[in-house]
């Protein structure tokens, strides 16, 4: 079922289980790293104050990941047409792990909406993963020169889901 939503997507409104994540807020930057300027980030990043439910995320795999692997720098180009989530959602999940679906434990979910440069000049994105030894959710990162495989999806939103006129707010 790769490349298709594993959970329902685009549920907004004022029901239960919803939380607001500010995608314009800069995430905490790992020591020795910097966030790339906006001009070097992916163009379709989820932005603004967004009501997020546990049903909002879907996984995206490039076809190359289904058949083997793809370099991070090549995957970055292919993700330009996806609405990618940033670290703000990763940080939300780390602080609220009760909202992470159990079936995510066998994945490393990448949040391409914030791209970093390390002190050595390499480009990185952070991912959420289950640390089986520590029995907790944690984060790590992928280097753009590494290969992304079939257990390393991007966390994306359905196209158009975060264009304000398509979303329901609590004031509607």
N, C-alpha and C. Protein backbone atom coordinates (compact mmCIF):
# COMPACT_ATOMS: atom_id res chain seq x y z
N UNK A 1 0.82 -1.20 0.00
CA UNK A 1 0.00 0.00 0.00
C UNK A 1 0.86 1.25 0.00
N UNK A 2 2.08 1.15 -0.44
CA UNK A 2 2.99 2.29 -0.44
C UNK A 2 2.49 3.37 -1.40
N UNK A 3 2.73 4.64 -1.02
CA UNK A 3 2.32 5.75 -1.83
C UNK A 3 0.87 6.17 -1.62
N UNK A 4 0.13 5.42 -0.86
CA UNK A 4 -1.27 5.74 -0.57
C UNK A 4 -1.39 6.08 0.91
N UNK A 5 -2.43 6.83 1.24
CA UNK A 5 -2.65 7.20 2.64
C UNK A 5 -2.87 5.95 3.48
N UNK A 6 -2.23 5.87 4.61
CA UNK A 6 -2.43 4.76 5.52
C UNK A 6 -3.48 5.10 6.56
N UNK A 7 -3.77 6.37 6.69
CA UNK A 7 -4.82 6.81 7.59
C UNK A 7 -5.61 7.88 6.86
N UNK A 8 -6.82 8.12 7.30
CA UNK A 8 -7.64 9.14 6.67
C UNK A 8 -6.94 10.49 6.76
N UNK A 9 -7.23 11.35 5.81
CA UNK A 9 -6.56 12.64 5.77
C UNK A 9 -7.57 13.78 5.72
N UNK A 10 -7.11 14.97 6.11
CA UNK A 10 -7.81 16.23 5.94
C UNK A 10 -9.08 16.33 6.76
N UNK A 11 -9.01 16.01 8.02
CA UNK A 11 -10.16 16.21 8.91
C UNK A 11 -9.89 17.44 9.77
N UNK A 12 -10.71 18.48 9.60
CA UNK A 12 -10.57 19.72 10.33
C UNK A 12 -11.88 20.05 11.01
N UNK A 13 -11.82 21.01 11.87
CA UNK A 13 -13.03 21.47 12.54
C UNK A 13 -12.82 21.57 14.04
N UNK A 14 -13.88 21.40 14.80
CA UNK A 14 -13.83 21.64 16.23
C UNK A 14 -14.09 20.38 17.06
N UNK A 15 -13.91 19.22 16.46
CA UNK A 15 -14.17 17.98 17.17
C UNK A 15 -13.08 17.66 18.18
N UNK A 16 -13.15 16.48 18.74
CA UNK A 16 -12.18 16.07 19.75
C UNK A 16 -10.89 15.59 19.09
N UNK A 17 -9.82 15.57 19.87
CA UNK A 17 -8.54 15.06 19.40
C UNK A 17 -7.81 15.99 18.46
N UNK A 18 -8.15 17.25 18.44
CA UNK A 18 -7.51 18.18 17.53
C UNK A 18 -6.62 19.15 18.30
N UNK A 19 -5.54 19.53 17.66
CA UNK A 19 -4.56 20.42 18.28
C UNK A 19 -4.04 21.37 17.23
N UNK A 20 -3.70 22.57 17.66
CA UNK A 20 -3.18 23.57 16.74
C UNK A 20 -1.66 23.54 16.78
N UNK A 21 -1.06 23.46 15.60
CA UNK A 21 0.39 23.51 15.46
C UNK A 21 0.73 24.73 14.62
N UNK A 22 1.67 25.53 15.08
CA UNK A 22 2.09 26.74 14.37
C UNK A 22 3.26 26.39 13.46
N UNK A 23 2.98 26.26 12.17
CA UNK A 23 4.02 25.89 11.21
C UNK A 23 4.87 27.08 10.77
N UNK A 24 4.55 28.28 11.25
CA UNK A 24 5.40 29.44 10.98
C UNK A 24 6.43 29.65 12.08
N UNK A 25 6.24 28.99 13.20
CA UNK A 25 7.18 29.09 14.31
C UNK A 25 8.43 28.28 13.99
N UNK A 26 9.59 28.89 14.20
CA UNK A 26 10.84 28.17 13.95
C UNK A 26 11.03 27.08 15.00
N UNK A 27 11.34 25.87 14.54
CA UNK A 27 11.59 24.80 15.52
C UNK A 27 12.93 25.01 16.20
N UNK A 28 13.14 24.30 17.30
CA UNK A 28 14.45 24.34 17.94
C UNK A 28 15.47 23.75 16.98
N UNK A 29 16.59 24.43 16.85
CA UNK A 29 17.61 24.02 15.90
C UNK A 29 18.67 23.18 16.62
N UNK A 30 18.95 21.97 16.11
CA UNK A 30 20.00 21.17 16.74
C UNK A 30 21.33 21.93 16.79
N UNK A 31 22.08 21.70 17.83
CA UNK A 31 23.34 22.40 18.04
C UNK A 31 24.27 22.22 16.84
N UNK A 32 24.82 23.34 16.38
CA UNK A 32 25.76 23.33 15.25
C UNK A 32 25.09 23.36 13.89
N UNK A 33 23.76 23.38 13.85
CA UNK A 33 23.02 23.41 12.59
C UNK A 33 22.38 24.78 12.39
N UNK A 34 21.98 25.06 11.16
CA UNK A 34 21.19 26.25 10.84
C UNK A 34 20.04 25.81 9.93
N UNK A 35 18.95 26.57 9.96
CA UNK A 35 17.84 26.32 9.05
C UNK A 35 18.15 27.03 7.74
N UNK A 36 17.99 26.34 6.62
CA UNK A 36 18.21 26.97 5.32
C UNK A 36 17.24 28.13 5.13
N UNK A 37 17.64 29.15 4.37
CA UNK A 37 16.72 30.25 4.07
C UNK A 37 15.48 29.75 3.34
N UNK A 38 14.38 30.51 3.42
CA UNK A 38 13.13 30.13 2.76
C UNK A 38 13.33 29.80 1.29
N UNK A 39 14.21 30.54 0.62
CA UNK A 39 14.42 30.33 -0.82
C UNK A 39 15.02 28.96 -1.12
N UNK A 40 15.59 28.29 -0.11
CA UNK A 40 16.20 26.98 -0.31
C UNK A 40 15.37 25.84 0.29
N UNK A 41 14.23 26.18 0.88
CA UNK A 41 13.32 25.18 1.43
C UNK A 41 12.39 24.68 0.31
N UNK A 42 11.70 23.58 0.55
CA UNK A 42 10.72 23.11 -0.42
C UNK A 42 9.59 24.14 -0.53
N UNK A 43 9.07 24.35 -1.75
CA UNK A 43 8.06 25.40 -1.93
C UNK A 43 6.70 25.10 -1.30
N UNK A 44 6.29 23.86 -1.22
CA UNK A 44 4.97 23.50 -0.70
C UNK A 44 5.04 23.00 0.72
N UNK A 45 5.58 23.83 1.60
CA UNK A 45 5.60 23.48 3.02
C UNK A 45 4.29 23.90 3.64
N UNK A 46 3.78 23.09 4.54
CA UNK A 46 2.59 23.48 5.29
C UNK A 46 2.97 24.69 6.14
N UNK A 47 2.16 25.74 6.09
CA UNK A 47 2.46 26.99 6.81
C UNK A 47 1.25 27.41 7.62
N UNK A 48 1.49 28.33 8.58
CA UNK A 48 0.42 28.93 9.36
C UNK A 48 -0.01 28.10 10.55
N UNK A 49 -1.07 28.57 11.21
CA UNK A 49 -1.66 27.86 12.34
C UNK A 49 -2.60 26.81 11.79
N UNK A 50 -2.33 25.56 12.08
CA UNK A 50 -3.11 24.48 11.49
C UNK A 50 -3.64 23.57 12.59
N UNK A 51 -4.93 23.30 12.50
CA UNK A 51 -5.54 22.34 13.40
C UNK A 51 -5.20 20.96 12.87
N UNK A 52 -4.55 20.17 13.71
CA UNK A 52 -4.07 18.86 13.29
C UNK A 52 -4.73 17.79 14.14
N UNK A 53 -5.18 16.74 13.50
CA UNK A 53 -5.68 15.58 14.21
C UNK A 53 -4.75 14.41 13.93
N UNK A 54 -4.98 13.33 14.61
CA UNK A 54 -4.16 12.14 14.36
C UNK A 54 -4.46 11.57 12.98
N UNK A 55 -5.49 12.07 12.31
CA UNK A 55 -5.85 11.60 10.98
C UNK A 55 -5.33 12.48 9.86
N UNK A 56 -4.50 13.43 10.14
CA UNK A 56 -4.08 14.40 9.15
C UNK A 56 -2.91 13.94 8.29
N UNK A 57 -2.02 13.15 8.83
CA UNK A 57 -0.80 12.77 8.12
C UNK A 57 -1.04 11.58 7.20
N UNK A 58 -0.47 11.66 6.02
CA UNK A 58 -0.36 10.47 5.18
C UNK A 58 1.11 10.33 4.81
N UNK A 59 1.50 9.13 4.46
CA UNK A 59 2.89 8.87 4.08
C UNK A 59 3.03 8.94 2.57
N UNK A 60 4.16 9.48 2.14
CA UNK A 60 4.46 9.52 0.71
C UNK A 60 5.79 8.81 0.47
N UNK A 61 5.75 7.87 -0.47
CA UNK A 61 6.97 7.22 -0.94
C UNK A 61 7.12 7.53 -2.42
N UNK A 62 8.32 7.82 -2.85
CA UNK A 62 8.59 7.93 -4.26
C UNK A 62 8.65 6.52 -4.84
N UNK A 63 8.33 6.38 -6.12
CA UNK A 63 8.38 5.06 -6.75
C UNK A 63 9.75 4.40 -6.61
N UNK A 64 10.81 5.19 -6.62
CA UNK A 64 12.16 4.62 -6.46
C UNK A 64 12.34 3.96 -5.10
N UNK A 65 11.66 4.47 -4.08
CA UNK A 65 11.74 3.86 -2.76
C UNK A 65 11.04 2.52 -2.74
N UNK A 66 10.01 2.36 -3.53
CA UNK A 66 9.29 1.09 -3.59
C UNK A 66 10.15 0.00 -4.20
N UNK A 67 10.99 0.38 -5.16
CA UNK A 67 11.82 -0.59 -5.87
C UNK A 67 13.22 -0.73 -5.31
N UNK A 68 13.58 0.09 -4.34
CA UNK A 68 14.94 0.05 -3.78
C UNK A 68 15.18 1.27 -2.92
N UNK A 69 15.91 2.24 -3.49
CA UNK A 69 16.22 3.43 -2.71
C UNK A 69 16.49 4.61 -3.64
N UNK A 70 16.51 5.79 -3.04
CA UNK A 70 16.77 7.03 -3.76
C UNK A 70 17.59 7.94 -2.86
N UNK A 71 18.54 8.66 -3.45
CA UNK A 71 19.33 9.61 -2.66
C UNK A 71 18.44 10.74 -2.16
N UNK A 72 18.75 11.21 -0.96
CA UNK A 72 17.97 12.28 -0.36
C UNK A 72 17.88 13.52 -1.23
N UNK A 73 18.99 13.90 -1.87
CA UNK A 73 18.97 15.11 -2.70
C UNK A 73 18.06 14.93 -3.92
N UNK A 74 17.92 13.70 -4.43
CA UNK A 74 17.01 13.44 -5.54
C UNK A 74 15.56 13.40 -5.06
N UNK A 75 15.36 12.84 -3.90
CA UNK A 75 14.01 12.79 -3.32
C UNK A 75 13.51 14.20 -3.03
N UNK A 76 14.40 15.06 -2.58
CA UNK A 76 14.02 16.46 -2.31
C UNK A 76 13.37 17.09 -3.54
N UNK A 77 13.97 16.89 -4.71
CA UNK A 77 13.41 17.45 -5.95
C UNK A 77 12.03 16.88 -6.23
N UNK A 78 11.85 15.60 -6.00
CA UNK A 78 10.57 14.95 -6.29
C UNK A 78 9.48 15.36 -5.30
N UNK A 79 9.87 15.81 -4.12
CA UNK A 79 8.90 16.23 -3.11
C UNK A 79 8.39 17.66 -3.31
N UNK A 80 8.91 18.35 -4.31
CA UNK A 80 8.49 19.74 -4.54
C UNK A 80 7.01 19.87 -4.82
N UNK A 81 6.34 18.80 -5.26
CA UNK A 81 4.91 18.86 -5.57
C UNK A 81 4.05 18.35 -4.42
N UNK A 82 4.65 18.00 -3.30
CA UNK A 82 3.92 17.51 -2.13
C UNK A 82 3.81 18.63 -1.09
N UNK A 83 2.73 18.61 -0.32
CA UNK A 83 2.59 19.52 0.82
C UNK A 83 3.25 18.82 2.01
N UNK A 84 4.48 19.21 2.30
CA UNK A 84 5.28 18.52 3.32
C UNK A 84 5.13 19.20 4.68
N UNK A 85 5.13 18.37 5.71
CA UNK A 85 5.11 18.87 7.08
C UNK A 85 6.53 19.16 7.55
N UNK A 86 6.64 20.14 8.46
CA UNK A 86 7.92 20.49 9.05
C UNK A 86 8.10 19.89 10.43
N UNK A 87 9.24 20.22 11.01
CA UNK A 87 9.61 19.74 12.34
C UNK A 87 8.62 20.14 13.42
N UNK A 88 7.84 21.16 13.16
CA UNK A 88 6.87 21.57 14.16
C UNK A 88 5.93 20.41 14.51
N UNK A 89 5.55 19.62 13.49
CA UNK A 89 4.70 18.46 13.74
C UNK A 89 5.48 17.34 14.41
N UNK A 90 6.71 17.14 14.01
CA UNK A 90 7.57 16.16 14.68
C UNK A 90 7.68 16.49 16.16
N UNK A 91 7.92 17.75 16.49
CA UNK A 91 8.04 18.17 17.89
C UNK A 91 6.71 17.98 18.63
N UNK A 92 5.59 18.24 17.95
CA UNK A 92 4.29 18.00 18.56
C UNK A 92 4.15 16.52 18.93
N UNK A 93 4.48 15.64 18.01
CA UNK A 93 4.37 14.21 18.28
C UNK A 93 5.30 13.77 19.40
N UNK A 94 6.50 14.31 19.46
CA UNK A 94 7.42 13.93 20.54
C UNK A 94 6.86 14.36 21.90
N UNK A 95 6.18 15.49 21.94
CA UNK A 95 5.60 15.98 23.19
C UNK A 95 4.26 15.33 23.51
N UNK A 96 3.63 14.71 22.51
CA UNK A 96 2.29 14.12 22.66
C UNK A 96 2.26 12.75 21.99
N UNK A 97 3.10 11.86 22.44
CA UNK A 97 3.27 10.57 21.76
C UNK A 97 2.01 9.72 21.77
N UNK A 98 1.05 10.03 22.61
CA UNK A 98 -0.21 9.26 22.62
C UNK A 98 -0.97 9.41 21.30
N UNK A 99 -0.63 10.41 20.49
CA UNK A 99 -1.29 10.62 19.20
C UNK A 99 -0.59 9.92 18.04
N UNK A 100 0.51 9.24 18.31
CA UNK A 100 1.24 8.55 17.23
C UNK A 100 0.64 7.16 17.05
N UNK A 101 0.16 6.85 15.85
CA UNK A 101 -0.41 5.52 15.61
C UNK A 101 0.62 4.41 15.82
N UNK A 102 0.18 3.32 16.38
CA UNK A 102 1.03 2.16 16.66
C UNK A 102 1.73 1.66 15.40
N UNK A 103 1.04 1.69 14.27
CA UNK A 103 1.62 1.15 13.04
C UNK A 103 2.79 1.98 12.50
N UNK A 104 3.03 3.14 13.08
CA UNK A 104 4.17 3.95 12.65
C UNK A 104 5.49 3.41 13.20
N UNK A 105 5.45 2.50 14.13
CA UNK A 105 6.67 2.04 14.80
C UNK A 105 7.68 1.39 13.86
N UNK A 106 7.26 0.90 12.72
CA UNK A 106 8.21 0.27 11.81
C UNK A 106 8.68 1.23 10.70
N UNK A 107 8.41 2.52 10.87
CA UNK A 107 8.79 3.53 9.88
C UNK A 107 9.73 4.57 10.51
N UNK A 108 10.45 5.25 9.65
CA UNK A 108 11.19 6.46 10.01
C UNK A 108 10.54 7.57 9.20
N UNK A 109 9.74 8.39 9.87
CA UNK A 109 8.89 9.36 9.18
C UNK A 109 9.63 10.70 9.09
N UNK A 110 9.87 11.13 7.86
CA UNK A 110 10.66 12.34 7.61
C UNK A 110 9.77 13.56 7.45
N UNK A 111 10.24 14.68 8.02
CA UNK A 111 9.54 15.96 8.01
C UNK A 111 10.35 16.95 7.18
N UNK A 112 10.07 16.94 5.88
CA UNK A 112 10.83 17.70 4.89
C UNK A 112 10.52 19.19 4.88
N UNK A 113 9.60 19.67 5.69
CA UNK A 113 9.23 21.07 5.68
C UNK A 113 10.26 22.00 6.31
N UNK A 114 11.27 21.43 6.95
CA UNK A 114 12.39 22.22 7.48
C UNK A 114 13.67 21.49 7.09
N UNK A 115 14.50 22.15 6.30
CA UNK A 115 15.78 21.58 5.86
C UNK A 115 16.89 22.34 6.55
N UNK A 116 17.85 21.58 7.06
CA UNK A 116 18.97 22.14 7.83
C UNK A 116 20.29 22.00 7.09
N UNK A 117 21.24 22.84 7.51
CA UNK A 117 22.65 22.70 7.09
C UNK A 117 23.45 22.48 8.36
N UNK A 118 24.31 21.48 8.34
CA UNK A 118 25.16 21.21 9.50
C UNK A 118 26.37 22.13 9.47
N UNK A 119 27.13 22.13 10.55
CA UNK A 119 28.34 22.92 10.62
C UNK A 119 29.37 22.51 9.57
N UNK A 120 29.27 21.28 9.09
CA UNK A 120 30.18 20.77 8.05
C UNK A 120 29.67 21.07 6.64
N UNK A 121 28.46 21.64 6.54
CA UNK A 121 27.92 22.03 5.24
C UNK A 121 26.93 21.07 4.63
N UNK A 122 26.71 19.89 5.23
CA UNK A 122 25.76 18.93 4.69
C UNK A 122 24.33 19.33 4.96
N UNK A 123 23.40 18.86 4.12
CA UNK A 123 21.98 19.13 4.27
C UNK A 123 21.30 17.94 4.94
N UNK A 124 20.36 18.23 5.85
CA UNK A 124 19.68 17.21 6.65
C UNK A 124 18.22 17.54 6.84
N UNK A 125 17.41 16.49 7.04
CA UNK A 125 16.04 16.62 7.52
C UNK A 125 15.88 15.66 8.69
N UNK A 126 15.01 16.05 9.62
CA UNK A 126 14.79 15.22 10.81
C UNK A 126 13.68 14.21 10.58
N UNK A 127 13.73 13.11 11.34
CA UNK A 127 12.67 12.12 11.26
C UNK A 127 12.30 11.61 12.65
N UNK A 128 11.08 11.10 12.72
CA UNK A 128 10.52 10.49 13.92
C UNK A 128 10.73 8.99 13.81
N UNK A 129 11.17 8.37 14.89
CA UNK A 129 11.35 6.92 14.87
C UNK A 129 11.14 6.34 16.26
N UNK A 130 10.78 5.06 16.30
CA UNK A 130 10.56 4.34 17.54
C UNK A 130 11.87 3.73 17.99
N UNK A 131 12.35 4.14 19.15
CA UNK A 131 13.57 3.59 19.74
C UNK A 131 13.16 2.37 20.57
N UNK A 132 13.30 1.18 19.98
CA UNK A 132 12.85 -0.04 20.65
C UNK A 132 13.64 -0.32 21.92
N UNK A 133 14.91 0.04 21.94
CA UNK A 133 15.71 -0.18 23.15
C UNK A 133 15.23 0.69 24.30
N UNK A 134 15.02 1.97 24.00
CA UNK A 134 14.58 2.90 25.02
C UNK A 134 13.08 2.90 25.22
N UNK A 135 12.36 2.17 24.35
CA UNK A 135 10.90 2.10 24.41
C UNK A 135 10.25 3.48 24.41
N UNK A 136 10.70 4.32 23.47
CA UNK A 136 10.13 5.66 23.36
C UNK A 136 10.32 6.18 21.94
N UNK A 137 9.52 7.19 21.61
CA UNK A 137 9.67 7.88 20.34
C UNK A 137 10.83 8.86 20.45
N UNK A 138 11.57 9.00 19.39
CA UNK A 138 12.73 9.89 19.38
C UNK A 138 12.87 10.49 17.98
N UNK A 139 13.87 11.34 17.81
CA UNK A 139 14.15 11.89 16.48
C UNK A 139 15.59 11.61 16.12
N UNK A 140 15.82 11.59 14.84
CA UNK A 140 17.15 11.50 14.28
C UNK A 140 17.11 12.27 12.97
N UNK A 141 18.06 12.07 12.10
CA UNK A 141 18.10 12.86 10.87
C UNK A 141 18.63 12.02 9.71
N UNK A 142 18.31 12.49 8.51
CA UNK A 142 18.82 11.88 7.29
C UNK A 142 19.64 12.90 6.53
N UNK A 143 20.77 12.45 6.04
CA UNK A 143 21.70 13.27 5.26
C UNK A 143 21.32 13.15 3.79
N UNK A 144 21.38 14.24 3.05
CA UNK A 144 20.95 14.24 1.66
C UNK A 144 21.79 13.33 0.77
N UNK A 145 22.98 12.95 1.19
CA UNK A 145 23.81 12.03 0.40
C UNK A 145 23.50 10.58 0.72
N UNK A 146 22.69 10.34 1.76
CA UNK A 146 22.28 8.98 2.09
C UNK A 146 21.13 8.55 1.18
N UNK A 147 20.78 7.27 1.30
CA UNK A 147 19.68 6.72 0.52
C UNK A 147 18.44 6.54 1.39
N UNK A 148 17.28 6.90 0.83
CA UNK A 148 15.99 6.72 1.49
C UNK A 148 15.38 5.44 0.95
N UNK A 149 14.92 4.57 1.85
CA UNK A 149 14.37 3.27 1.48
C UNK A 149 12.86 3.22 1.74
N UNK A 150 12.29 2.03 1.60
CA UNK A 150 10.83 1.90 1.67
C UNK A 150 10.26 2.02 3.08
N UNK A 151 11.09 2.13 4.11
CA UNK A 151 10.58 2.37 5.46
C UNK A 151 10.84 3.81 5.90
N UNK A 152 11.04 4.71 4.94
CA UNK A 152 11.39 6.10 5.23
C UNK A 152 10.49 7.07 4.46
N UNK A 153 9.18 7.07 4.76
CA UNK A 153 8.27 7.96 4.04
C UNK A 153 8.39 9.42 4.49
N UNK A 154 7.89 10.29 3.64
CA UNK A 154 7.74 11.70 3.99
C UNK A 154 6.35 11.89 4.58
N UNK A 155 6.25 12.71 5.62
CA UNK A 155 4.95 13.07 6.21
C UNK A 155 4.39 14.21 5.37
N UNK A 156 3.27 13.96 4.71
CA UNK A 156 2.68 14.96 3.82
C UNK A 156 1.19 15.14 4.12
N UNK A 157 0.67 16.23 3.59
CA UNK A 157 -0.76 16.53 3.66
C UNK A 157 -1.34 16.35 2.27
N UNK A 158 -2.62 16.04 2.16
CA UNK A 158 -3.24 16.00 0.84
C UNK A 158 -3.17 17.39 0.20
N UNK A 159 -2.93 17.42 -1.08
CA UNK A 159 -2.81 18.68 -1.82
C UNK A 159 -4.04 19.55 -1.60
N UNK A 160 -3.81 20.79 -1.25
CA UNK A 160 -4.90 21.73 -1.08
C UNK A 160 -5.49 21.74 0.32
N UNK A 161 -5.10 20.81 1.14
CA UNK A 161 -5.72 20.69 2.45
C UNK A 161 -5.41 21.89 3.34
N UNK A 162 -4.31 22.56 3.11
CA UNK A 162 -3.94 23.67 3.97
C UNK A 162 -4.07 25.02 3.28
N UNK A 163 -4.85 25.05 2.21
CA UNK A 163 -5.22 26.33 1.62
C UNK A 163 -6.45 26.78 2.40
N UNK A 164 -6.40 27.96 3.06
CA UNK A 164 -7.45 28.33 4.02
C UNK A 164 -8.88 28.14 3.54
N UNK A 165 -9.18 28.44 2.28
CA UNK A 165 -10.58 28.32 1.85
C UNK A 165 -11.06 26.87 1.80
N UNK A 166 -10.17 25.90 1.92
CA UNK A 166 -10.55 24.49 1.91
C UNK A 166 -10.66 23.90 3.32
N UNK A 167 -10.34 24.66 4.31
CA UNK A 167 -10.34 24.15 5.68
C UNK A 167 -11.48 24.76 6.48
N UNK A 168 -11.94 24.02 7.45
CA UNK A 168 -13.00 24.49 8.34
C UNK A 168 -12.35 24.99 9.61
N UNK A 169 -12.71 26.16 10.04
CA UNK A 169 -12.15 26.69 11.29
C UNK A 169 -13.21 26.64 12.37
N UNK A 170 -12.79 26.85 13.59
CA UNK A 170 -13.73 26.83 14.73
C UNK A 170 -14.68 28.02 14.71
N UNK A 171 -14.39 29.05 13.92
CA UNK A 171 -15.24 30.22 13.86
C UNK A 171 -16.29 30.10 12.76
N UNK A 172 -16.19 29.08 11.88
CA UNK A 172 -17.17 28.91 10.80
C UNK A 172 -18.48 28.40 11.31
